[in-house]
C-alpha atoms as a PDB file:
ATOM      1  CA  VAL A   1     -13.145  10.100  -2.579  1.00  0.00           C
ATOM      2  CA  GLN A   2     -10.275  10.014  -5.012  1.00  0.00           C
ATOM      3  CA  LEU A   3      -7.048   8.185  -4.296  1.00  0.00           C
ATOM      4  CA  GLN A   4      -3.850   8.682  -6.231  1.00  0.00           C
ATOM      5  CA  ALA A   5      -0.958   6.274  -5.838  1.00  0.00           C
ATOM      6  CA  SER A   6       2.560   7.191  -6.879  1.00  0.00           C
ATOM      7  CA  GLY A   7       6.170   6.279  -6.266  1.00  0.00           C
ATOM      8  CA  GLY A   8       6.512   3.025  -8.150  1.00  0.00           C
ATOM      9  CA  GLY A   9       9.441   2.241 -10.380  1.00  0.00           C
ATOM     10  CA  LEU A  10      12.248  -0.129 -11.240  1.00  0.00           C
ATOM     11  CA  VAL A  11      14.719  -1.040  -8.517  1.00  0.00           C
ATOM     12  CA  GLN A  12      17.336  -3.711  -7.971  1.00  0.00           C
ATOM     13  CA  ALA A  13      16.882  -6.424  -5.396  1.00  0.00           C
ATOM     14  CA  GLY A  14      17.796  -5.131  -1.959  1.00  0.00           C
ATOM     15  CA  GLY A  15      16.788  -1.604  -2.858  1.00  0.00           C
ATOM     16  CA  SER A  16      14.034   0.643  -1.518  1.00  0.00           C
ATOM     17  CA  LEU A  17      11.018   2.557  -2.756  1.00  0.00           C
ATOM     18  CA  ARG A  18       8.406   4.697  -1.048  1.00  0.00           C
ATOM     19  CA  LEU A  19       4.868   4.662  -2.343  1.00  0.00           C
ATOM     20  CA  SER A  20       2.421   7.471  -1.620  1.00  0.00           C
ATOM     21  CA  CYS A  21      -1.368   7.398  -1.615  1.00  0.00           C
ATOM     22  CA  ALA A  22      -2.870  10.877  -1.655  1.00  0.00           C
ATOM     23  CA  SER A  23      -6.563  11.229  -0.902  1.00  0.00           C
ATOM     24  CA  SER A  24      -8.927  14.030  -1.861  1.00  0.00           C
ATOM     25  CA  VAL A  25     -10.466  13.878   1.622  1.00  0.00           C
ATOM     26  CA  ARG A  26      -9.562  12.511   4.999  1.00  0.00           C
ATOM     27  CA  THR A  27      -9.933   8.739   4.899  1.00  0.00           C
ATOM     28  CA  TYR A  28     -10.166   6.088   7.549  1.00  0.00           C
ATOM     29  CA  GLY A  29      -8.897   2.551   7.214  1.00  0.00           C
ATOM     30  CA  THR A  30      -6.392   2.554   4.361  1.00  0.00           C
ATOM     31  CA  ALA A  31      -4.385  -0.278   2.900  1.00  0.00           C
ATOM     32  CA  TRP A  32      -2.023  -1.261   0.151  1.00  0.00           C
ATOM     33  CA  PHE A  33      -2.740  -4.286  -1.993  1.00  0.00           C
ATOM     34  CA  ARG A  34      -0.707  -5.710  -4.836  1.00  0.00           C
ATOM     35  CA  GLN A  35      -1.348  -7.875  -7.840  1.00  0.00           C
ATOM     36  CA  ALA A  36       1.295  -9.732  -9.793  1.00  0.00           C
ATOM     37  CA  PRO A  37       0.633 -11.092 -13.303  1.00  0.00           C
ATOM     38  CA  GLY A  38      -1.485 -14.220 -13.153  1.00  0.00           C
ATOM     39  CA  LYS A  39      -2.094 -13.896  -9.431  1.00  0.00           C
ATOM     40  CA  GLU A  40      -4.921 -12.643  -7.277  1.00  0.00           C
ATOM     41  CA  ARG A  41      -4.807  -9.284  -5.574  1.00  0.00           C
ATOM     42  CA  GLU A  42      -3.335  -9.629  -2.105  1.00  0.00           C
ATOM     43  CA  PHE A  43      -3.186  -7.529   1.025  1.00  0.00           C
ATOM     44  CA  VAL A  44       0.193  -5.963   1.782  1.00  0.00           C
ATOM     45  CA  ALA A  45      -0.238  -3.525   4.661  1.00  0.00           C
ATOM     46  CA  GLY A  46      -2.927  -1.446   6.324  1.00  0.00           C
ATOM     47  CA  VAL A  47      -3.248   1.447   8.760  1.00  0.00           C
ATOM     48  CA  ASN A  48      -6.210   2.567  10.830  1.00  0.00           C
ATOM     49  CA  TRP A  49      -7.747   6.031  10.923  1.00  0.00           C
ATOM     50  CA  SER A  50      -5.338   7.467  13.473  1.00  0.00           C
ATOM     51  CA  GLY A  51      -2.206   5.834  12.166  1.00  0.00           C
ATOM     52  CA  GLY A  52      -1.712   4.105  15.478  1.00  0.00           C
ATOM     53  CA  VAL A  53      -2.581   0.588  14.403  1.00  0.00           C
ATOM     54  CA  THR A  54      -0.924  -1.161  11.500  1.00  0.00           C
ATOM     55  CA  ARG A  55      -1.003  -4.653  10.082  1.00  0.00           C
ATOM     56  CA  TYR A  56       1.134  -6.448   7.537  1.00  0.00           C
ATOM     57  CA  ALA A  57       1.163  -9.520   5.384  1.00  0.00           C
ATOM     58  CA  ASP A  58       3.684 -12.063   6.652  1.00  0.00           C
ATOM     59  CA  SER A  59       5.627 -11.773   3.408  1.00  0.00           C
ATOM     60  CA  VAL A  60       6.509  -8.115   4.037  1.00  0.00           C
ATOM     61  CA  LYS A  61       6.830  -7.934   7.825  1.00  0.00           C
ATOM     62  CA  GLY A  62      10.111  -6.372   8.858  1.00  0.00           C
ATOM     63  CA  ARG A  63      10.705  -4.943   5.383  1.00  0.00           C
ATOM     64  CA  PHE A  64       7.742  -2.664   4.703  1.00  0.00           C
ATOM     65  CA  THR A  65       6.371   0.133   6.859  1.00  0.00           C
ATOM     66  CA  ILE A  66       3.021   1.837   6.396  1.00  0.00           C
ATOM     67  CA  SER A  67       2.367   5.256   7.860  1.00  0.00           C
ATOM     68  CA  ARG A  68      -0.114   8.081   7.658  1.00  0.00           C
ATOM     69  CA  ASP A  69       0.270  11.855   7.512  1.00  0.00           C
ATOM     70  CA  SER A  70      -3.225  13.085   8.299  1.00  0.00           C
ATOM     71  CA  SER A  71      -2.287  16.712   7.691  1.00  0.00           C
ATOM     72  CA  LYS A  72      -1.644  15.802   4.063  1.00  0.00           C
ATOM     73  CA  ASN A  73      -4.340  13.117   3.700  1.00  0.00           C
ATOM     74  CA  THR A  74      -1.564  10.818   2.564  1.00  0.00           C
ATOM     75  CA  VAL A  75      -0.584   7.264   3.403  1.00  0.00           C
ATOM     76  CA  TYR A  76       2.916   6.001   2.686  1.00  0.00           C
ATOM     77  CA  LEU A  77       4.406   2.570   2.153  1.00  0.00           C
ATOM     78  CA  GLN A  78       8.139   2.435   2.739  1.00  0.00           C
ATOM     79  CA  MET A  79       9.507  -0.682   1.096  1.00  0.00           C
ATOM     80  CA  ASN A  80      13.010  -1.830   1.992  1.00  0.00           C
ATOM     81  CA  SER A  81      15.025  -4.931   1.138  1.00  0.00           C
ATOM     82  CA  LEU A  82      12.920  -5.431  -1.954  1.00  0.00           C
ATOM     83  CA  LYS A  83      12.835  -8.835  -3.592  1.00  0.00           C
ATOM     84  CA  PRO A  84      11.938  -9.877  -7.146  1.00  0.00           C
ATOM     85  CA  GLU A  85       8.781 -11.495  -5.753  1.00  0.00           C
ATOM     86  CA  ASP A  86       7.615  -8.035  -4.648  1.00  0.00           C
ATOM     87  CA  THR A  87       7.142  -7.144  -8.309  1.00  0.00           C
ATOM     88  CA  ALA A  88       3.503  -6.228  -8.850  1.00  0.00           C
ATOM     89  CA  VAL A  89       1.081  -3.409  -9.438  1.00  0.00           C
ATOM     90  CA  TYR A  90       0.429  -1.793  -6.065  1.00  0.00           C
ATOM     91  CA  TYR A  91      -2.973  -0.303  -5.263  1.00  0.00           C
ATOM     92  CA  CYS A  92      -4.062   1.826  -2.360  1.00  0.00           C
ATOM     93  CA  ALA A  93      -7.564   1.462  -1.016  1.00  0.00           C
ATOM     94  CA  SER A  94      -9.642   3.201   1.604  1.00  0.00           C
ATOM     95  CA  ARG A  95     -12.802   2.355   3.481  1.00  0.00           C
ATOM     96  CA  ARG A  96     -15.344   4.209   5.574  1.00  0.00           C
ATOM     97  CA  GLY A  97     -14.598   2.035   8.583  1.00  0.00           C
ATOM     98  CA  SER A  98     -11.825   3.026  10.945  1.00  0.00           C
ATOM     99  CA  ILE A  99     -10.004  -0.292  10.846  1.00  0.00           C
ATOM    100  CA  ALA A 100      -7.744  -1.463   8.039  1.00  0.00           C
ATOM    101  CA  GLU A 101      -9.167  -4.797   6.924  1.00  0.00           C
ATOM    102  CA  MET A 102      -7.226  -7.448   5.054  1.00  0.00           C
ATOM    103  CA  PHE A 103      -9.991  -8.243   2.571  1.00  0.00           C
ATOM    104  CA  ALA A 104     -10.249  -6.248  -0.633  1.00  0.00           C
ATOM    105  CA  GLN A 105     -14.045  -6.408  -0.700  1.00  0.00           C
ATOM    106  CA  ARG A 106     -14.178  -4.359   2.522  1.00  0.00           C
ATOM    107  CA  TYR A 107     -12.809  -1.290   0.699  1.00  0.00           C
ATOM    108  CA  GLU A 108     -15.063   1.143  -1.115  1.00  0.00           C
ATOM    109  CA  TYR A 109     -12.460   3.372  -2.716  1.00  0.00           C
ATOM    110  CA  TRP A 110      -9.535   2.410  -4.902  1.00  0.00           C
ATOM    111  CA  GLY A 111      -6.787   4.297  -6.636  1.00  0.00           C
ATOM    112  CA  LEU A 112      -5.140   3.416  -9.887  1.00  0.00           C
ATOM    113  CA  GLY A 113      -2.154   1.186  -9.409  1.00  0.00           C
ATOM    114  CA  THR A 114       1.521   1.994  -9.542  1.00  0.00           C
ATOM    115  CA  GLN A 115       3.962  -0.506 -10.973  1.00  0.00           C
ATOM    116  CA  VAL A 116       6.816  -1.796  -8.823  1.00  0.00           C
ATOM    117  CA  THR A 117       9.439  -3.893 -10.569  1.00  0.00           C
ATOM    118  CA  VAL A 118      12.329  -5.461  -8.687  1.00  0.00           C
ATOM    119  CA  SER A 119      15.141  -6.878 -10.777  1.00  0.00           C
ATOM    120  CA  SER A 120      17.396  -9.685  -9.578  1.00  0.00           C
END
């Protein structure tokens, strides 16, 4: 399984970005994590195999939306009302289980990160 994340960039506070995670095969539980300099990797949002169940970190609820397009084997993360504290490298991850877990160690497959920088 190969995952490719894209869509990062530089945006001003209050702006929006959409990240994409394209998979080489159909995947099941998929999530976005992020890691800021000097901090541990943290869960951002996850979606289950069907796209019908999602979960979010409290810090992004109401601002970020995760979705899945199974026909394209792609998971998206729409990020609105971005804040400087959202600045990080964002990683997508997938697991063989159907549920999107919040713990990084539950994921077997990882893509390379995409940098998101939010200026104040």
